[in-house]
Amino acid sequence: MKIAPLVLLAVSAATLAGCSSSPGAKIGLVDSTPVAAYGQDGYSATEPADYLLRPSDVVSVTVFREPDLSVESVPIGADGMLSLPLAGAIKVDGMTTRQLEQEVRNKLASSLVSPNVSVNIMQFGSHVVTVEGSVEKPGMYPFKPGTRLSGAISLAAGPNRTAKLKDVVVFRQTVGGMSVAKFDYAAVRSGTMMDPVLQPSDRVVVGTSGLSVFWQDLLKTLPAFALFTNL
């Protein structure tokens, strides 16, 4: 009769151990098809070929043989404007660096003969992701263009012990308003679900399982269940 509670705990622990394991990796091409039922339309696993400048990005603008017209580091304003010597204010939000180079050349053409202009991105200041929920280190993190959902979770030191990997949600600001998409992180890691490329200001929330940390710690303290070390 006294064995019953231990049996229940064993069943619970075994169930937890099974839930915590991840499916094996899929061999071959990773599935990159959006799941419409999860709100994944509009998400992509492909990095854009050309980077588009955004507010808070920092650029350098070099006008060759014209040091007074060059700037080593200048941030793009919240309104998407960039102010440059002689060229004046330019709306650069959504431009590529090549397009900005051409725009600066056009602005300077009335004052200089065949101006030679080079633009480089010094800092991707617009690229910040918020990671919340059941991760080891929630917070806001800068990231490089091309970073994926798995990268955002890694920046937060990975899921914690109460993470519900099937319930990872990404909040994204779109032209039509805030959108919400769900991802099964276990499927993402195995290659059977898209690992989407992040967008600036994305917010990632990792769900929490119903089992509290207290119960997980309790199971680990029981000698009979010491083998369940991956709970």
Protein backbone atom coordinates (compact mmCIF):
# COMPACT_ATOMS: atom_id res chain seq x y z
CA MET A 1 0.00 0.00 0.00
CA LYS A 2 2.85 2.36 0.73
CA ILE A 3 4.25 1.71 -2.71
CA ALA A 4 1.35 3.41 -4.51
CA PRO A 5 2.56 7.01 -4.05
CA LEU A 6 6.00 6.02 -5.29
CA VAL A 7 4.46 4.31 -8.28
CA LEU A 8 2.54 7.47 -9.10
CA LEU A 9 5.70 9.50 -8.80
CA ALA A 10 7.53 7.04 -11.01
CA VAL A 11 4.87 7.31 -13.66
CA SER A 12 4.95 11.08 -13.43
CA ALA A 13 8.71 11.16 -13.64
CA ALA A 14 8.77 8.79 -16.59
CA THR A 15 6.17 10.91 -18.34
CA LEU A 16 8.21 14.03 -17.71
CA ALA A 17 11.37 12.38 -18.94
CA GLY A 18 9.58 11.45 -22.14
CA CYS A 19 8.20 14.97 -22.59
CA SER A 20 11.58 16.58 -22.11
CA SER A 21 13.24 14.59 -24.90
CA SER A 22 13.44 16.05 -28.39
CA PRO A 23 12.66 14.16 -31.60
CA GLY A 24 15.61 13.04 -33.64
CA ALA A 25 16.88 15.36 -36.34
CA LYS A 26 15.37 14.98 -39.79
CA ILE A 27 17.97 13.97 -42.36
CA GLY A 28 17.93 16.02 -45.55
CA LEU A 29 16.40 19.37 -46.38
CA VAL A 30 14.81 21.21 -43.46
CA ASP A 31 11.10 21.97 -43.80
CA SER A 32 10.70 25.70 -44.46
CA THR A 33 7.00 25.73 -45.32
CA PRO A 34 4.93 28.14 -43.18
CA VAL A 35 2.09 26.51 -41.23
CA ALA A 36 -0.95 28.72 -41.87
CA ALA A 37 -2.88 27.27 -38.92
CA TYR A 38 -0.10 28.55 -36.63
CA GLY A 39 -0.17 32.06 -38.11
CA GLN A 40 3.18 31.58 -39.83
CA ASP A 41 2.19 33.17 -43.14
CA GLY A 42 4.54 36.07 -43.76
CA TYR A 43 7.41 34.39 -41.92
CA SER A 44 10.38 33.15 -43.88
CA ALA A 45 13.40 30.93 -43.35
CA THR A 46 15.30 32.81 -46.07
CA GLU A 47 17.44 35.85 -45.33
CA PRO A 48 16.71 38.80 -47.68
CA ALA A 49 19.37 39.31 -50.34
CA ASP A 50 19.64 43.06 -49.68
CA TYR A 51 19.62 44.66 -46.26
CA LEU A 52 17.25 47.62 -45.89
CA LEU A 53 18.31 50.45 -43.59
CA ARG A 54 16.14 51.16 -40.56
CA PRO A 55 15.93 53.75 -37.78
CA SER A 56 18.68 53.33 -35.14
CA ASP A 57 21.09 51.72 -37.60
CA VAL A 58 24.47 53.46 -37.65
CA VAL A 59 26.28 54.08 -40.95
CA SER A 60 29.48 55.63 -42.20
CA VAL A 61 29.40 57.82 -45.32
CA THR A 62 32.71 58.45 -47.09
CA VAL A 63 33.06 61.02 -49.87
CA PHE A 64 36.50 60.32 -51.30
CA ARG A 65 38.97 63.20 -51.13
CA GLU A 66 36.32 65.21 -49.23
CA PRO A 67 36.93 64.63 -45.49
CA ASP A 68 34.70 67.56 -44.52
CA LEU A 69 31.76 65.88 -46.24
CA SER A 70 32.43 62.43 -44.78
CA VAL A 71 31.08 61.03 -41.49
CA GLU A 72 32.58 58.05 -39.67
CA SER A 73 29.50 57.13 -37.65
CA VAL A 74 26.01 58.62 -37.86
CA PRO A 75 22.76 57.07 -36.59
CA ILE A 76 19.54 57.03 -38.59
CA GLY A 77 16.88 58.95 -36.70
CA ALA A 78 13.61 57.52 -35.40
CA ASP A 79 11.89 59.24 -38.33
CA GLY A 80 14.12 57.38 -40.80
CA MET A 81 16.05 60.54 -41.71
CA LEU A 82 19.81 60.91 -42.07
CA SER A 83 21.49 64.34 -42.03
CA LEU A 84 24.76 64.71 -43.94
CA PRO A 85 27.09 67.65 -44.63
CA LEU A 86 26.09 69.53 -47.80
CA ALA A 87 23.76 66.69 -48.89
CA GLY A 88 21.29 67.66 -46.15
CA ALA A 89 18.47 65.50 -44.77
CA ILE A 90 17.70 62.27 -46.63
CA LYS A 91 14.88 59.79 -46.00
CA VAL A 92 16.85 56.54 -45.85
CA ASP A 93 14.42 54.16 -44.11
CA GLY A 94 13.95 51.22 -46.47
CA MET A 95 16.95 52.02 -48.68
CA THR A 96 19.87 49.71 -49.40
CA THR A 97 23.40 51.06 -48.91
CA ARG A 98 23.83 51.17 -52.70
CA GLN A 99 20.68 53.26 -53.06
CA LEU A 100 21.89 55.63 -50.36
CA GLU A 101 25.25 55.99 -52.12
CA GLN A 102 23.46 56.98 -55.32
CA GLU A 103 21.20 59.43 -53.46
CA VAL A 104 24.20 61.15 -51.84
CA ARG A 105 25.96 61.35 -55.21
CA ASN A 106 22.88 62.99 -56.70
CA LYS A 107 22.74 65.49 -53.83
CA LEU A 108 26.42 66.42 -54.20
CA ALA A 109 26.51 66.49 -58.01
CA SER A 110 25.65 70.20 -58.13
CA SER A 111 28.68 71.04 -55.95
CA LEU A 112 31.25 68.37 -56.83
CA VAL A 113 32.45 66.84 -60.09
CA SER A 114 31.70 63.09 -60.18
CA PRO A 115 31.55 62.58 -56.38
CA ASN A 116 32.68 59.11 -55.28
CA VAL A 117 30.60 57.93 -52.30
CA SER A 118 30.78 54.80 -50.14
CA VAL A 119 28.27 53.79 -47.43
CA ASN A 120 28.89 51.08 -44.83
CA ILE A 121 26.77 49.82 -41.95
CA MET A 122 28.65 50.20 -38.67
CA GLN A 123 25.96 48.92 -36.31
CA PHE A 124 22.60 47.19 -36.76
CA GLY A 125 21.03 49.28 -34.00
CA SER A 126 17.50 48.46 -35.12
CA HIS A 127 18.01 44.74 -34.55
CA VAL A 128 16.81 44.04 -31.02
CA VAL A 129 14.68 41.05 -29.99
CA THR A 130 12.83 40.57 -26.69
CA VAL A 131 12.86 37.02 -25.29
CA GLU A 132 10.49 36.23 -22.43
CA GLY A 133 8.88 33.31 -20.63
CA SER A 134 10.58 30.02 -19.80
CA VAL A 135 14.14 30.85 -20.76
CA GLU A 136 17.20 31.03 -18.55
CA LYS A 137 17.92 34.71 -19.13
CA PRO A 138 14.91 36.74 -20.32
CA GLY A 139 15.73 40.13 -21.75
CA MET A 140 16.31 42.29 -24.80
CA TYR A 141 19.15 41.25 -27.07
CA PRO A 142 20.84 42.78 -30.13
CA PHE A 143 21.14 40.35 -33.01
CA LYS A 144 22.69 40.20 -36.46
CA PRO A 145 20.56 40.17 -39.63
CA GLY A 146 19.78 36.59 -40.58
CA THR A 147 19.48 35.37 -36.97
CA ARG A 148 16.64 32.87 -36.57
CA LEU A 149 14.14 32.03 -33.83
CA SER A 150 16.51 29.36 -32.48
CA GLY A 151 19.19 32.04 -32.27
CA ALA A 152 16.94 34.31 -30.19
CA ILE A 153 16.31 31.51 -27.69
CA SER A 154 20.03 30.77 -27.57
CA LEU A 155 20.75 34.44 -26.81
CA ALA A 156 18.55 33.99 -23.73
CA ALA A 157 20.68 30.96 -22.69
CA GLY A 158 18.08 28.46 -23.91
CA PRO A 159 14.81 27.10 -22.48
CA ASN A 160 14.62 26.47 -18.76
CA ARG A 161 13.24 23.40 -16.98
CA THR A 162 9.61 24.54 -17.13
CA ALA A 163 9.63 25.38 -20.83
CA LYS A 164 6.77 24.07 -22.93
CA LEU A 165 8.60 23.77 -26.23
CA LYS A 166 5.45 23.25 -28.27
CA ASP A 167 4.23 26.72 -27.28
CA VAL A 168 6.74 29.28 -28.54
CA VAL A 169 5.03 32.45 -29.74
CA VAL A 170 6.46 35.29 -31.83
CA PHE A 171 4.81 38.72 -31.74
CA ARG A 172 5.64 40.86 -34.79
CA GLN A 173 4.60 44.37 -35.78
CA THR A 174 3.28 44.46 -39.35
CA VAL A 175 1.69 47.11 -41.55
CA GLY A 176 -1.73 45.77 -40.57
CA GLY A 177 -0.96 45.65 -36.84
CA MET A 178 0.55 43.20 -34.36
CA SER A 179 0.63 39.62 -35.60
CA VAL A 180 1.09 36.46 -33.54
CA ALA A 181 2.60 33.20 -34.78
CA LYS A 182 3.16 29.95 -32.92
CA PHE A 183 6.11 27.57 -33.33
CA ASP A 184 6.88 24.12 -31.95
CA TYR A 185 10.48 24.58 -30.89
CA ALA A 186 11.09 20.83 -30.64
CA ALA A 187 10.00 20.51 -34.28
CA VAL A 188 12.17 23.49 -35.22
CA ARG A 189 15.21 21.85 -33.64
CA SER A 190 14.52 18.55 -35.40
CA GLY A 191 14.16 20.25 -38.79
CA THR A 192 10.47 19.44 -39.28
CA MET A 193 9.26 23.04 -38.85
CA MET A 194 10.52 26.35 -40.18
CA ASP A 195 13.13 28.20 -38.12
CA PRO A 196 12.10 31.74 -39.15
CA VAL A 197 14.45 34.66 -39.67
CA LEU A 198 13.90 37.32 -37.01
CA GLN A 199 12.77 40.84 -37.76
CA PRO A 200 13.73 43.93 -35.71
CA SER A 201 11.58 44.34 -32.57
CA ASP A 202 10.24 40.77 -32.65
CA ARG A 203 9.08 39.49 -29.25
CA VAL A 204 9.57 35.80 -28.47
CA VAL A 205 7.65 34.17 -25.60
CA VAL A 206 8.50 30.61 -24.58
CA GLY A 207 5.57 28.86 -22.88
CA THR A 208 5.64 27.36 -19.40
CA SER A 209 4.72 23.76 -18.66
CA GLY A 210 2.19 22.89 -15.96
CA LEU A 211 4.80 21.27 -13.73
CA SER A 212 6.35 23.72 -11.29
CA VAL A 213 10.04 23.94 -10.53
CA PHE A 214 9.19 22.81 -6.98
CA TRP A 215 7.89 19.44 -8.17
CA GLN A 216 10.78 18.97 -10.56
CA ASP A 217 13.25 19.60 -7.74
CA LEU A 218 11.32 17.30 -5.41
CA LEU A 219 11.46 14.40 -7.86
CA LYS A 220 15.20 14.83 -8.21
CA THR A 221 15.72 14.61 -4.44
CA LEU A 222 14.06 11.18 -4.20
CA PRO A 223 16.70 8.41 -4.41
CA ALA A 224 14.36 6.15 -6.38
CA PHE A 225 14.15 8.76 -9.16
CA ALA A 226 17.74 9.90 -9.28
CA LEU A 227 17.95 8.57 -12.86
CA PHE A 228 15.55 11.27 -14.05
CA THR A 229 18.28 13.88 -14.13
CA ASN A 230 17.05 15.46 -17.35
CA LEU A 231 13.71 16.61 -15.97
